Amino acid sequence: MCFRLMLLCMRTTIDLDDLLLGELKQEAAHRGSTLRELVNDLLRQATAAPEPKAKYRFNWKPHRGGRIQPGVRLDDRNSLFDLMDGR
C-alpha cells in the first residue's frame, strides 16, 4: 500500500497499446516524473469537471450618429430577419 498526501493508492492492471506506453514513458522522462505520476495526472485531468464557460453577452454599439430604426427590436431575431428580407 502507498500513502500519498493522505490518499490511499490502489494497484490495478490495465492493458495499454505498446505505442501509447512508449509515448507515455517518453513524456514522463521529458517531464522528469514517473510513469505512475504522469498517468495519475492525466487521468485526473480527464475526469475533472470542466470549468463553466462565461455566458456570451452581446453589446450593441451603433456607429457614430447611427440610430436604430423605429420598430426594430434587437432582442427578437425573427423580426430582424423579417426586416432584412423586406417582409
N, C-alpha and C. Protein backbone atom coordinates (compact mmCIF):
# COMPACT_ATOMS: atom_id res chain seq x y z
N MET A 1 0.83 -1.19 0.00
CA MET A 1 0.00 0.00 0.00
C MET A 1 0.87 1.25 0.00
N CYS A 2 0.39 2.30 -0.66
CA CYS A 2 1.14 3.55 -0.60
C CYS A 2 0.21 4.64 -0.09
N PHE A 3 0.77 5.51 0.70
CA PHE A 3 0.01 6.66 1.20
C PHE A 3 0.68 7.90 0.65
N ARG A 4 -0.10 8.68 -0.08
CA ARG A 4 0.43 9.89 -0.69
C ARG A 4 -0.56 11.01 -0.44
N LEU A 5 -0.13 12.02 0.28
CA LEU A 5 -0.98 13.16 0.61
C LEU A 5 -2.28 12.70 1.26
N MET A 6 -2.17 11.75 2.12
CA MET A 6 -3.30 11.23 2.88
C MET A 6 -4.32 10.52 1.99
N LEU A 7 -3.91 10.11 0.82
CA LEU A 7 -4.80 9.36 -0.07
C LEU A 7 -4.32 7.92 -0.15
N LEU A 8 -5.23 7.01 -0.14
CA LEU A 8 -4.89 5.60 -0.27
C LEU A 8 -4.74 5.27 -1.75
N CYS A 9 -3.61 4.69 -2.13
CA CYS A 9 -3.38 4.32 -3.52
C CYS A 9 -3.68 2.84 -3.71
N MET A 10 -4.33 2.52 -4.78
CA MET A 10 -4.64 1.13 -5.10
C MET A 10 -3.88 0.71 -6.33
N ARG A 11 -3.55 -0.55 -6.37
CA ARG A 11 -2.92 -1.11 -7.56
C ARG A 11 -4.01 -1.70 -8.45
N THR A 12 -3.81 -1.52 -9.73
CA THR A 12 -4.71 -2.14 -10.70
C THR A 12 -3.91 -2.43 -11.96
N THR A 13 -4.45 -3.23 -12.80
CA THR A 13 -3.77 -3.59 -14.03
C THR A 13 -4.62 -3.13 -15.21
N ILE A 14 -3.97 -2.45 -16.14
CA ILE A 14 -4.65 -2.06 -17.37
C ILE A 14 -3.74 -2.45 -18.54
N ASP A 15 -4.35 -2.76 -19.65
CA ASP A 15 -3.60 -3.09 -20.86
C ASP A 15 -3.50 -1.84 -21.72
N LEU A 16 -2.27 -1.43 -22.02
CA LEU A 16 -2.04 -0.27 -22.86
C LEU A 16 -1.44 -0.71 -24.18
N ASP A 17 -1.80 0.01 -25.22
CA ASP A 17 -1.19 -0.19 -26.52
C ASP A 17 0.32 0.06 -26.39
N ASP A 18 1.13 -0.74 -27.06
CA ASP A 18 2.58 -0.61 -26.95
C ASP A 18 3.08 0.78 -27.36
N LEU A 19 2.51 1.31 -28.45
CA LEU A 19 2.93 2.65 -28.89
C LEU A 19 2.55 3.71 -27.86
N LEU A 20 1.36 3.59 -27.29
CA LEU A 20 0.93 4.54 -26.28
C LEU A 20 1.82 4.46 -25.05
N LEU A 21 2.15 3.26 -24.62
CA LEU A 21 3.02 3.09 -23.45
C LEU A 21 4.38 3.74 -23.72
N GLY A 22 4.90 3.56 -24.92
CA GLY A 22 6.17 4.19 -25.27
C GLY A 22 6.09 5.70 -25.22
N GLU A 23 4.99 6.27 -25.73
CA GLU A 23 4.81 7.72 -25.71
C GLU A 23 4.69 8.23 -24.27
N LEU A 24 3.96 7.48 -23.45
CA LEU A 24 3.81 7.88 -22.04
C LEU A 24 5.15 7.85 -21.31
N LYS A 25 5.94 6.84 -21.57
CA LYS A 25 7.26 6.75 -20.94
C LYS A 25 8.15 7.91 -21.37
N GLN A 26 8.11 8.25 -22.66
CA GLN A 26 8.90 9.38 -23.16
C GLN A 26 8.45 10.68 -22.52
N GLU A 27 7.13 10.86 -22.42
CA GLU A 27 6.60 12.09 -21.83
C GLU A 27 6.97 12.18 -20.36
N ALA A 28 6.89 11.06 -19.64
CA ALA A 28 7.27 11.05 -18.23
C ALA A 28 8.75 11.43 -18.08
N ALA A 29 9.60 10.88 -18.92
CA ALA A 29 11.02 11.21 -18.87
C ALA A 29 11.25 12.68 -19.19
N HIS A 30 10.51 13.18 -20.19
CA HIS A 30 10.63 14.59 -20.57
C HIS A 30 10.24 15.51 -19.41
N ARG A 31 9.21 15.13 -18.67
CA ARG A 31 8.75 15.93 -17.52
C ARG A 31 9.58 15.69 -16.26
N GLY A 32 10.37 14.64 -16.28
CA GLY A 32 11.15 14.31 -15.10
C GLY A 32 10.29 13.68 -14.01
N SER A 33 9.27 12.95 -14.42
CA SER A 33 8.40 12.29 -13.45
C SER A 33 8.33 10.81 -13.75
N THR A 34 7.65 10.10 -12.90
CA THR A 34 7.49 8.67 -13.13
C THR A 34 6.28 8.43 -14.02
N LEU A 35 6.22 7.25 -14.59
CA LEU A 35 5.07 6.87 -15.40
C LEU A 35 3.80 6.90 -14.55
N ARG A 36 3.89 6.42 -13.33
CA ARG A 36 2.74 6.42 -12.42
C ARG A 36 2.23 7.85 -12.20
N GLU A 37 3.13 8.79 -11.93
CA GLU A 37 2.72 10.18 -11.69
C GLU A 37 2.05 10.77 -12.93
N LEU A 38 2.65 10.51 -14.08
CA LEU A 38 2.10 11.04 -15.33
C LEU A 38 0.70 10.49 -15.59
N VAL A 39 0.55 9.17 -15.49
CA VAL A 39 -0.76 8.56 -15.75
C VAL A 39 -1.80 9.07 -14.76
N ASN A 40 -1.44 9.17 -13.49
CA ASN A 40 -2.38 9.69 -12.49
C ASN A 40 -2.78 11.13 -12.81
N ASP A 41 -1.80 11.97 -13.18
CA ASP A 41 -2.11 13.37 -13.52
C ASP A 41 -3.03 13.44 -14.74
N LEU A 42 -2.74 12.64 -15.77
CA LEU A 42 -3.56 12.67 -16.97
C LEU A 42 -4.98 12.17 -16.71
N LEU A 43 -5.10 11.14 -15.88
CA LEU A 43 -6.44 10.64 -15.54
C LEU A 43 -7.22 11.65 -14.70
N ARG A 44 -6.53 12.34 -13.80
CA ARG A 44 -7.21 13.39 -13.01
C ARG A 44 -7.74 14.49 -13.93
N GLN A 45 -6.90 14.91 -14.88
CA GLN A 45 -7.32 15.95 -15.82
C GLN A 45 -8.50 15.49 -16.67
N ALA A 46 -8.46 14.25 -17.10
CA ALA A 46 -9.51 13.72 -17.98
C ALA A 46 -10.84 13.58 -17.25
N THR A 47 -10.80 13.34 -15.94
CA THR A 47 -12.05 13.12 -15.20
C THR A 47 -12.50 14.34 -14.43
N ALA A 48 -11.73 15.43 -14.47
CA ALA A 48 -12.11 16.65 -13.77
C ALA A 48 -13.32 17.29 -14.46
N ALA A 49 -14.15 17.91 -13.65
CA ALA A 49 -15.33 18.61 -14.20
C ALA A 49 -14.84 19.82 -14.99
N PRO A 50 -15.39 20.05 -16.17
CA PRO A 50 -14.97 21.21 -16.96
C PRO A 50 -15.37 22.51 -16.26
N GLU A 51 -14.54 23.52 -16.45
CA GLU A 51 -14.86 24.82 -15.87
C GLU A 51 -16.02 25.43 -16.64
N PRO A 52 -16.99 25.99 -15.92
CA PRO A 52 -18.13 26.59 -16.63
C PRO A 52 -17.67 27.79 -17.45
N LYS A 53 -18.18 27.87 -18.67
CA LYS A 53 -17.83 28.98 -19.55
C LYS A 53 -18.70 30.18 -19.23
N ALA A 54 -18.12 31.35 -19.40
CA ALA A 54 -18.87 32.58 -19.17
C ALA A 54 -19.97 32.69 -20.24
N LYS A 55 -21.13 33.13 -19.84
CA LYS A 55 -22.24 33.29 -20.77
C LYS A 55 -21.94 34.44 -21.73
N TYR A 56 -22.20 34.21 -23.00
CA TYR A 56 -21.94 35.23 -24.01
C TYR A 56 -22.91 36.39 -23.85
N ARG A 57 -22.37 37.59 -23.92
CA ARG A 57 -23.21 38.79 -23.83
C ARG A 57 -22.89 39.67 -25.02
N PHE A 58 -23.91 40.00 -25.79
CA PHE A 58 -23.75 40.85 -26.96
C PHE A 58 -23.94 42.30 -26.54
N ASN A 59 -22.97 43.14 -26.85
CA ASN A 59 -23.07 44.57 -26.55
C ASN A 59 -23.23 45.33 -27.86
N TRP A 60 -24.40 45.93 -28.03
CA TRP A 60 -24.71 46.65 -29.26
C TRP A 60 -24.09 48.03 -29.21
N LYS A 61 -23.32 48.38 -30.25
CA LYS A 61 -22.71 49.70 -30.33
C LYS A 61 -22.92 50.23 -31.74
N PRO A 62 -23.91 51.11 -31.94
CA PRO A 62 -24.12 51.66 -33.28
C PRO A 62 -22.97 52.60 -33.65
N HIS A 63 -22.78 52.80 -34.96
CA HIS A 63 -21.74 53.72 -35.42
C HIS A 63 -22.07 55.14 -34.95
N ARG A 64 -21.06 56.00 -34.97
CA ARG A 64 -21.29 57.38 -34.56
C ARG A 64 -22.46 57.99 -35.32
N GLY A 65 -23.37 58.54 -34.60
CA GLY A 65 -24.53 59.18 -35.20
C GLY A 65 -25.58 58.20 -35.69
N GLY A 66 -25.30 56.93 -35.59
CA GLY A 66 -26.25 55.92 -36.06
C GLY A 66 -27.39 55.74 -35.07
N ARG A 67 -28.55 55.41 -35.61
CA ARG A 67 -29.72 55.18 -34.78
C ARG A 67 -30.40 53.91 -35.22
N ILE A 68 -31.11 53.32 -34.30
CA ILE A 68 -31.91 52.15 -34.62
C ILE A 68 -33.23 52.64 -35.19
N GLN A 69 -33.64 52.05 -36.31
CA GLN A 69 -34.88 52.48 -36.95
C GLN A 69 -36.08 52.12 -36.08
N PRO A 70 -37.14 52.91 -36.17
CA PRO A 70 -38.35 52.62 -35.41
C PRO A 70 -38.90 51.24 -35.76
N GLY A 71 -39.34 50.52 -34.78
CA GLY A 71 -39.92 49.20 -34.98
C GLY A 71 -38.92 48.07 -34.98
N VAL A 72 -37.64 48.37 -34.91
CA VAL A 72 -36.62 47.34 -34.89
C VAL A 72 -36.41 46.88 -33.45
N ARG A 73 -36.54 45.58 -33.25
CA ARG A 73 -36.32 45.01 -31.92
C ARG A 73 -35.07 44.14 -31.99
N LEU A 74 -34.01 44.56 -31.33
CA LEU A 74 -32.75 43.83 -31.38
C LEU A 74 -32.80 42.53 -30.61
N ASP A 75 -33.79 42.38 -29.73
CA ASP A 75 -33.89 41.16 -28.94
C ASP A 75 -34.80 40.11 -29.59
N ASP A 76 -35.30 40.40 -30.80
CA ASP A 76 -36.19 39.47 -31.49
C ASP A 76 -35.56 39.09 -32.83
N ARG A 77 -34.90 37.96 -32.85
CA ARG A 77 -34.16 37.51 -34.03
C ARG A 77 -35.05 37.36 -35.25
N ASN A 78 -36.21 36.77 -35.07
CA ASN A 78 -37.09 36.54 -36.22
C ASN A 78 -37.56 37.84 -36.85
N SER A 79 -37.89 38.84 -36.03
CA SER A 79 -38.34 40.12 -36.61
C SER A 79 -37.18 40.81 -37.32
N LEU A 80 -35.95 40.63 -36.83
CA LEU A 80 -34.80 41.20 -37.53
C LEU A 80 -34.62 40.56 -38.91
N PHE A 81 -34.76 39.23 -38.97
CA PHE A 81 -34.64 38.57 -40.26
C PHE A 81 -35.76 39.00 -41.20
N ASP A 82 -36.99 39.18 -40.67
CA ASP A 82 -38.09 39.66 -41.50
C ASP A 82 -37.78 41.03 -42.08
N LEU A 83 -37.24 41.95 -41.26
CA LEU A 83 -36.91 43.27 -41.74
C LEU A 83 -35.80 43.22 -42.80
N MET A 84 -34.80 42.37 -42.58
CA MET A 84 -33.70 42.26 -43.54
C MET A 84 -34.18 41.66 -44.86
N ASP A 85 -35.19 40.80 -44.79
CA ASP A 85 -35.73 40.17 -46.00
C ASP A 85 -36.82 41.04 -46.65
N GLY A 86 -37.12 42.19 -46.05
CA GLY A 86 -38.10 43.10 -46.62
C GLY A 86 -39.53 42.70 -46.37
N ARG A 87 -39.79 41.92 -45.35
CA ARG A 87 -41.16 41.50 -45.04
C ARG A 87 -41.85 42.45 -44.10
